[in-house]
Amino acid sequence: KEIDLDKPEKVLNKIARDNSISYLALNPIFRERARNEEGETVWPCDGHWNKRGHEWAVDALFDYLVSQKLLGN
């Protein structure tokens, strides 16, 4: 059986949408960044973010907050 790696994000997006909560989908951002950068973003043993993954998430959140004018650059 094939695992849908996007399923958790789809579920979170639906919950956020149903409750009028802002949601930033990180999978597309990570995939785009991975095209230009080498290195793992998750621990191979369990798939949770490693240090690089957390750094990428911070960068994505910062860029989002700046783009929404919720934070100065």
PDB file of N, CA and C in Angstrom:
ATOM      1  N   LYS A   1       0.836  -1.179   0.000  1.00  0.00           N
ATOM      2  CA  LYS A   1       0.000   0.000   0.000  1.00  0.00           C
ATOM      3  C   LYS A   1       0.886   1.249   0.000  1.00  0.00           C
ATOM      4  N   GLU A   2       0.558   2.200  -0.863  1.00  0.00           N
ATOM      5  CA  GLU A   2       1.333   3.424  -0.957  1.00  0.00           C
ATOM      6  C   GLU A   2       0.873   4.432   0.102  1.00  0.00           C
ATOM      7  N   ILE A   3       1.819   5.085   0.726  1.00  0.00           N
ATOM      8  CA  ILE A   3       1.520   6.064   1.764  1.00  0.00           C
ATOM      9  C   ILE A   3       1.358   7.439   1.126  1.00  0.00           C
ATOM     10  N   ASP A   4       0.298   8.146   1.485  1.00  0.00           N
ATOM     11  CA  ASP A   4       0.061   9.505   1.011  1.00  0.00           C
ATOM     12  C   ASP A   4       0.781  10.466   1.951  1.00  0.00           C
ATOM     13  N   LEU A   5       1.957  10.922   1.520  1.00  0.00           N
ATOM     14  CA  LEU A   5       2.761  11.802   2.363  1.00  0.00           C
ATOM     15  C   LEU A   5       2.125  13.176   2.558  1.00  0.00           C
ATOM     16  N   ASP A   6       1.171  13.504   1.715  1.00  0.00           N
ATOM     17  CA  ASP A   6       0.502  14.794   1.828  1.00  0.00           C
ATOM     18  C   ASP A   6      -0.765  14.739   2.692  1.00  0.00           C
ATOM     19  N   LYS A   7      -1.166  13.535   3.114  1.00  0.00           N
ATOM     20  CA  LYS A   7      -2.412  13.397   3.855  1.00  0.00           C
ATOM     21  C   LYS A   7      -2.443  14.226   5.149  1.00  0.00           C
ATOM     22  N   PRO A   8      -1.398  14.182   5.982  1.00  0.00           N
ATOM     23  CA  PRO A   8      -1.462  14.986   7.212  1.00  0.00           C
ATOM     24  C   PRO A   8      -1.685  16.471   6.920  1.00  0.00           C
ATOM     25  N   GLU A   9      -1.011  16.968   5.880  1.00  0.00           N
ATOM     26  CA  GLU A   9      -1.176  18.380   5.535  1.00  0.00           C
ATOM     27  C   GLU A   9      -2.581  18.670   5.016  1.00  0.00           C
ATOM     28  N   LYS A  10      -3.145  17.749   4.256  1.00  0.00           N
ATOM     29  CA  LYS A  10      -4.517  17.911   3.758  1.00  0.00           C
ATOM     30  C   LYS A  10      -5.506  17.969   4.928  1.00  0.00           C
ATOM     31  N   VAL A  11      -5.314  17.103   5.908  1.00  0.00           N
ATOM     32  CA  VAL A  11      -6.194  17.073   7.080  1.00  0.00           C
ATOM     33  C   VAL A  11      -6.072  18.375   7.867  1.00  0.00           C
ATOM     34  N   LEU A  12      -4.837  18.814   8.102  1.00  0.00           N
ATOM     35  CA  LEU A  12      -4.630  20.066   8.843  1.00  0.00           C
ATOM     36  C   LEU A  12      -5.210  21.257   8.088  1.00  0.00           C
ATOM     37  N   ASN A  13      -5.052  21.272   6.779  1.00  0.00           N
ATOM     38  CA  ASN A  13      -5.591  22.355   5.974  1.00  0.00           C
ATOM     39  C   ASN A  13      -7.114  22.404   6.079  1.00  0.00           C
ATOM     40  N   LYS A  14      -7.764  21.252   6.053  1.00  0.00           N
ATOM     41  CA  LYS A  14      -9.223  21.192   6.168  1.00  0.00           C
ATOM     42  C   LYS A  14      -9.682  21.690   7.543  1.00  0.00           C
ATOM     43  N   ILE A  15      -8.998  21.234   8.588  1.00  0.00           N
ATOM     44  CA  ILE A  15      -9.347  21.672   9.941  1.00  0.00           C
ATOM     45  C   ILE A  15      -9.195  23.193  10.053  1.00  0.00           C
ATOM     46  N   ALA A  16      -8.092  23.712   9.528  1.00  0.00           N
ATOM     47  CA  ALA A  16      -7.861  25.157   9.589  1.00  0.00           C
ATOM     48  C   ALA A  16      -8.927  25.913   8.803  1.00  0.00           C
ATOM     49  N   ARG A  17      -9.219  25.433   7.604  1.00  0.00           N
ATOM     50  CA  ARG A  17     -10.233  26.088   6.763  1.00  0.00           C
ATOM     51  C   ARG A  17     -11.604  26.064   7.433  1.00  0.00           C
ATOM     52  N   ASP A  18     -11.980  24.913   7.975  1.00  0.00           N
ATOM     53  CA  ASP A  18     -13.284  24.772   8.633  1.00  0.00           C
ATOM     54  C   ASP A  18     -13.429  25.663   9.862  1.00  0.00           C
ATOM     55  N   ASN A  19     -12.295  26.046  10.447  1.00  0.00           N
ATOM     56  CA  ASN A  19     -12.318  26.855  11.668  1.00  0.00           C
ATOM     57  C   ASN A  19     -11.772  28.266  11.459  1.00  0.00           C
ATOM     58  N   SER A  20     -11.652  28.658  10.193  1.00  0.00           N
ATOM     59  CA  SER A  20     -11.180  30.007   9.842  1.00  0.00           C
ATOM     60  C   SER A  20      -9.838  30.347  10.486  1.00  0.00           C
ATOM     61  N   ILE A  21      -8.917  29.388  10.409  1.00  0.00           N
ATOM     62  CA  ILE A  21      -7.572  29.562  10.965  1.00  0.00           C
ATOM     63  C   ILE A  21      -6.589  29.629   9.801  1.00  0.00           C
ATOM     64  N   SER A  22      -5.675  30.585   9.846  1.00  0.00           N
ATOM     65  CA  SER A  22      -4.635  30.664   8.819  1.00  0.00           C
ATOM     66  C   SER A  22      -3.774  29.406   8.884  1.00  0.00           C
ATOM     67  N   TYR A  23      -3.364  28.935   7.704  1.00  0.00           N
ATOM     68  CA  TYR A  23      -2.553  27.721   7.643  1.00  0.00           C
ATOM     69  C   TYR A  23      -1.508  27.869   6.548  1.00  0.00           C
ATOM     70  N   LEU A  24      -0.290  27.564   6.862  1.00  0.00           N
ATOM     71  CA  LEU A  24       0.800  27.609   5.895  1.00  0.00           C
ATOM     72  C   LEU A  24       1.226  26.183   5.569  1.00  0.00           C
ATOM     73  N   ALA A  25       0.994  25.765   4.341  1.00  0.00           N
ATOM     74  CA  ALA A  25       1.389  24.428   3.897  1.00  0.00           C
ATOM     75  C   ALA A  25       2.896  24.409   3.659  1.00  0.00           C
ATOM     76  N   LEU A  26       3.606  23.592   4.414  1.00  0.00           N
ATOM     77  CA  LEU A  26       5.059  23.562   4.317  1.00  0.00           C
ATOM     78  C   LEU A  26       5.580  22.542   3.298  1.00  0.00           C
ATOM     79  N   ASN A  27       4.823  21.499   3.005  1.00  0.00           N
ATOM     80  CA  ASN A  27       5.310  20.493   2.057  1.00  0.00           C
ATOM     81  C   ASN A  27       5.715  21.093   0.715  1.00  0.00           C
ATOM     82  N   PRO A  28       4.882  21.929   0.091  1.00  0.00           N
ATOM     83  CA  PRO A  28       5.304  22.509  -1.192  1.00  0.00           C
ATOM     84  C   PRO A  28       6.547  23.386  -1.070  1.00  0.00           C
ATOM     85  N   ILE A  29       6.661  24.100   0.031  1.00  0.00           N
ATOM     86  CA  ILE A  29       7.823  24.963   0.264  1.00  0.00           C
ATOM     87  C   ILE A  29       9.076  24.112   0.426  1.00  0.00           C
ATOM     88  N   PHE A  30       8.977  23.043   1.203  1.00  0.00           N
ATOM     89  CA  PHE A  30      10.120  22.153   1.389  1.00  0.00           C
ATOM     90  C   PHE A  30      10.516  21.491   0.074  1.00  0.00           C
ATOM     91  N   ARG A  31       9.541  21.044  -0.695  1.00  0.00           N
ATOM     92  CA  ARG A  31       9.848  20.383  -1.977  1.00  0.00           C
ATOM     93  C   ARG A  31      10.571  21.329  -2.934  1.00  0.00           C
ATOM     94  N   GLU A  32      10.091  22.560  -2.994  1.00  0.00           N
ATOM     95  CA  GLU A  32      10.727  23.546  -3.878  1.00  0.00           C
ATOM     96  C   GLU A  32      12.158  23.823  -3.429  1.00  0.00           C
ATOM     97  N   ARG A  33      12.340  23.999  -2.148  1.00  0.00           N
ATOM     98  CA  ARG A  33      13.682  24.289  -1.630  1.00  0.00           C
ATOM     99  C   ARG A  33      14.615  23.095  -1.826  1.00  0.00           C
ATOM    100  N   ALA A  34      14.080  21.898  -1.709  1.00  0.00           N
ATOM    101  CA  ALA A  34      14.904  20.687  -1.859  1.00  0.00           C
ATOM    102  C   ALA A  34      15.421  20.526  -3.285  1.00  0.00           C
ATOM    103  N   ARG A  35      14.765  21.172  -4.245  1.00  0.00           N
ATOM    104  CA  ARG A  35      15.258  21.114  -5.632  1.00  0.00           C
ATOM    105  C   ARG A  35      16.605  21.813  -5.788  1.00  0.00           C
ATOM    106  N   ASN A  36      16.865  22.793  -4.921  1.00  0.00           N
ATOM    107  CA  ASN A  36      18.072  23.604  -5.040  1.00  0.00           C
ATOM    108  C   ASN A  36      19.101  23.363  -3.948  1.00  0.00           C
ATOM    109  N   GLU A  37      18.722  22.631  -2.924  1.00  0.00           N
ATOM    110  CA  GLU A  37      19.631  22.396  -1.801  1.00  0.00           C
ATOM    111  C   GLU A  37      19.714  20.913  -1.485  1.00  0.00           C
ATOM    112  N   GLU A  38      20.903  20.485  -1.121  1.00  0.00           N
ATOM    113  CA  GLU A  38      21.089  19.090  -0.736  1.00  0.00           C
ATOM    114  C   GLU A  38      21.003  18.958   0.781  1.00  0.00           C
ATOM    115  N   GLY A  39      20.731  17.754   1.220  1.00  0.00           N
ATOM    116  CA  GLY A  39      20.699  17.476   2.650  1.00  0.00           C
ATOM    117  C   GLY A  39      19.328  17.035   3.098  1.00  0.00           C
ATOM    118  N   GLU A  40      19.315  16.214   4.104  1.00  0.00           N
ATOM    119  CA  GLU A  40      18.073  15.687   4.650  1.00  0.00           C
ATOM    120  C   GLU A  40      17.427  16.699   5.594  1.00  0.00           C
ATOM    121  N   THR A  41      16.106  16.690   5.627  1.00  0.00           N
ATOM    122  CA  THR A  41      15.371  17.573   6.528  1.00  0.00           C
ATOM    123  C   THR A  41      14.641  16.798   7.619  1.00  0.00           C
ATOM    124  N   VAL A  42      14.721  15.484   7.558  1.00  0.00           N
ATOM    125  CA  VAL A  42      14.061  14.641   8.558  1.00  0.00           C
ATOM    126  C   VAL A  42      15.031  13.570   9.057  1.00  0.00           C
ATOM    127  N   TRP A  43      14.729  13.056  10.249  1.00  0.00           N
ATOM    128  CA  TRP A  43      15.490  11.929  10.784  1.00  0.00           C
ATOM    129  C   TRP A  43      15.043  10.675  10.041  1.00  0.00           C
ATOM    130  N   PRO A  44      15.961   9.863   9.551  1.00  0.00           N
ATOM    131  CA  PRO A  44      15.578   8.668   8.794  1.00  0.00           C
ATOM    132  C   PRO A  44      14.836   7.630   9.634  1.00  0.00           C
ATOM    133  N   CYS A  45      14.998   7.683  10.935  1.00  0.00           N
ATOM    134  CA  CYS A  45      14.374   6.672  11.794  1.00  0.00           C
ATOM    135  C   CYS A  45      12.885   6.892  12.016  1.00  0.00           C
ATOM    136  N   ASP A  46      12.432   8.160  11.922  1.00  0.00           N
ATOM    137  CA  ASP A  46      11.011   8.385  12.226  1.00  0.00           C
ATOM    138  C   ASP A  46      10.336   9.469  11.384  1.00  0.00           C
ATOM    139  N   GLY A  47      11.087  10.140  10.532  1.00  0.00           N
ATOM    140  CA  GLY A  47      10.493  11.134   9.646  1.00  0.00           C
ATOM    141  C   GLY A  47      10.225  12.493  10.267  1.00  0.00           C
ATOM    142  N   HIS A  48      10.570  12.684  11.533  1.00  0.00           N
ATOM    143  CA  HIS A  48      10.408  13.999  12.155  1.00  0.00           C
ATOM    144  C   HIS A  48      11.534  14.922  11.679  1.00  0.00           C
ATOM    145  N   TRP A  49      11.263  16.225  11.688  1.00  0.00           N
ATOM    146  CA  TRP A  49      12.279  17.173  11.240  1.00  0.00           C
ATOM    147  C   TRP A  49      13.549  17.059  12.066  1.00  0.00           C
ATOM    148  N   ASN A  50      14.674  17.173  11.388  1.00  0.00           N
ATOM    149  CA  ASN A  50      15.962  17.292  12.053  1.00  0.00           C
ATOM    150  C   ASN A  50      16.291  18.792  12.133  1.00  0.00           C
ATOM    151  N   LYS A  51      17.524  19.135  12.462  1.00  0.00           N
ATOM    152  CA  LYS A  51      17.903  20.545  12.606  1.00  0.00           C
ATOM    153  C   LYS A  51      17.635  21.316  11.314  1.00  0.00           C
ATOM    154  N   ARG A  52      18.030  20.775  10.170  1.00  0.00           N
ATOM    155  CA  ARG A  52      17.814  21.443   8.891  1.00  0.00           C
ATOM    156  C   ARG A  52      16.314  21.636   8.623  1.00  0.00           C
ATOM    157  N   GLY A  53      15.507  20.645   8.908  1.00  0.00           N
ATOM    158  CA  GLY A  53      14.067  20.751   8.721  1.00  0.00           C
ATOM    159  C   GLY A  53      13.468  21.873   9.551  1.00  0.00           C
ATOM    160  N   HIS A  54      13.917  21.989  10.798  1.00  0.00           N
ATOM    161  CA  HIS A  54      13.433  23.073  11.651  1.00  0.00           C
ATOM    162  C   HIS A  54      13.885  24.435  11.112  1.00  0.00           C
ATOM    163  N   GLU A  55      15.109  24.502  10.603  1.00  0.00           N
ATOM    164  CA  GLU A  55      15.590  25.759  10.022  1.00  0.00           C
ATOM    165  C   GLU A  55      14.748  26.149   8.808  1.00  0.00           C
ATOM    166  N   TRP A  56      14.417  25.182   7.961  1.00  0.00           N
ATOM    167  CA  TRP A  56      13.590  25.466   6.786  1.00  0.00           C
ATOM    168  C   TRP A  56      12.191  25.924   7.204  1.00  0.00           C
ATOM    169  N   ALA A  57      11.645  25.298   8.234  1.00  0.00           N
ATOM    170  CA  ALA A  57      10.321  25.691   8.716  1.00  0.00           C
ATOM    171  C   ALA A  57      10.353  27.119   9.253  1.00  0.00           C
ATOM    172  N   VAL A  58      11.383  27.459  10.001  1.00  0.00           N
ATOM    173  CA  VAL A  58      11.532  28.817  10.525  1.00  0.00           C
ATOM    174  C   VAL A  58      11.614  29.816   9.368  1.00  0.00           C
ATOM    175  N   ASP A  59      12.413  29.501   8.361  1.00  0.00           N
ATOM    176  CA  ASP A  59      12.545  30.392   7.203  1.00  0.00           C
ATOM    177  C   ASP A  59      11.197  30.589   6.513  1.00  0.00           C
ATOM    178  N   ALA A  60      10.457  29.507   6.320  1.00  0.00           N
ATOM    179  CA  ALA A  60       9.155  29.582   5.651  1.00  0.00           C
ATOM    180  C   ALA A  60       8.170  30.410   6.464  1.00  0.00           C
ATOM    181  N   LEU A  61       8.143  30.199   7.776  1.00  0.00           N
ATOM    182  CA  LEU A  61       7.241  30.967   8.636  1.00  0.00           C
ATOM    183  C   LEU A  61       7.606  32.450   8.652  1.00  0.00           C
ATOM    184  N   PHE A  62       8.883  32.740   8.718  1.00  0.00           N
ATOM    185  CA  PHE A  62       9.335  34.129   8.700  1.00  0.00           C
ATOM    186  C   PHE A  62       8.922  34.800   7.392  1.00  0.00           C
ATOM    187  N   ASP A  63       9.195  34.141   6.264  1.00  0.00           N
ATOM    188  CA  ASP A  63       8.828  34.703   4.962  1.00  0.00           C
ATOM    189  C   ASP A  63       7.319  34.937   4.866  1.00  0.00           C
ATOM    190  N   TYR A  64       6.536  33.993   5.385  1.00  0.00           N
ATOM    191  CA  TYR A  64       5.079  34.133   5.364  1.00  0.00           C
ATOM    192  C   TYR A  64       4.635  35.332   6.199  1.00  0.00           C
ATOM    193  N   LEU A  65       5.158  35.446   7.400  1.00  0.00           N
ATOM    194  CA  LEU A  65       4.776  36.549   8.278  1.00  0.00           C
ATOM    195  C   LEU A  65       5.145  37.905   7.677  1.00  0.00           C
ATOM    196  N   VAL A  66       6.309  37.983   7.047  1.00  0.00           N
ATOM    197  CA  VAL A  66       6.711  39.220   6.389  1.00  0.00           C
ATOM    198  C   VAL A  66       5.793  39.518   5.211  1.00  0.00           C
ATOM    199  N   SER A  67       5.484  38.491   4.403  1.00  0.00           N
ATOM    200  CA  SER A  67       4.636  38.694   3.224  1.00  0.00           C
ATOM    201  C   SER A  67       3.218  39.133   3.616  1.00  0.00           C
ATOM    202  N   GLN A  68       2.769  38.740   4.783  1.00  0.00           N
ATOM    203  CA  GLN A  68       1.441  39.121   5.271  1.00  0.00           C
ATOM    204  C   GLN A  68       1.471  40.421   6.082  1.00  0.00           C
ATOM    205  N   LYS A  69       2.658  41.043   6.109  1.00  0.00           N
ATOM    206  CA  LYS A  69       2.868  42.274   6.861  1.00  0.00           C
ATOM    207  C   LYS A  69       2.534  42.126   8.348  1.00  0.00           C
ATOM    208  N   LEU A  70       2.799  40.929   8.849  1.00  0.00           N
ATOM    209  CA  LEU A  70       2.579  40.639  10.267  1.00  0.00           C
ATOM    210  C   LEU A  70       3.879  40.774  11.072  1.00  0.00           C
ATOM    211  N   LEU A  71       4.976  40.998  10.328  1.00  0.00           N
ATOM    212  CA  LEU A  71       6.299  41.094  10.946  1.00  0.00           C
ATOM    213  C   LEU A  71       7.167  41.934  10.025  1.00  0.00           C
ATOM    214  N   GLY A  72       7.954  42.825  10.587  1.00  0.00           N
ATOM    215  CA  GLY A  72       8.866  43.612   9.772  1.00  0.00           C
ATOM    216  C   GLY A  72      10.047  42.783   9.323  1.00  0.00           C
ATOM    217  N   ASN A  73      10.621  43.130   8.202  1.00  0.00           N
ATOM    218  CA  ASN A  73      11.779  42.362   7.724  1.00  0.00           C
ATOM    219  C   ASN A  73      13.040  42.995   8.239  1.00  0.00           C
TER     220      ASN A  73
END
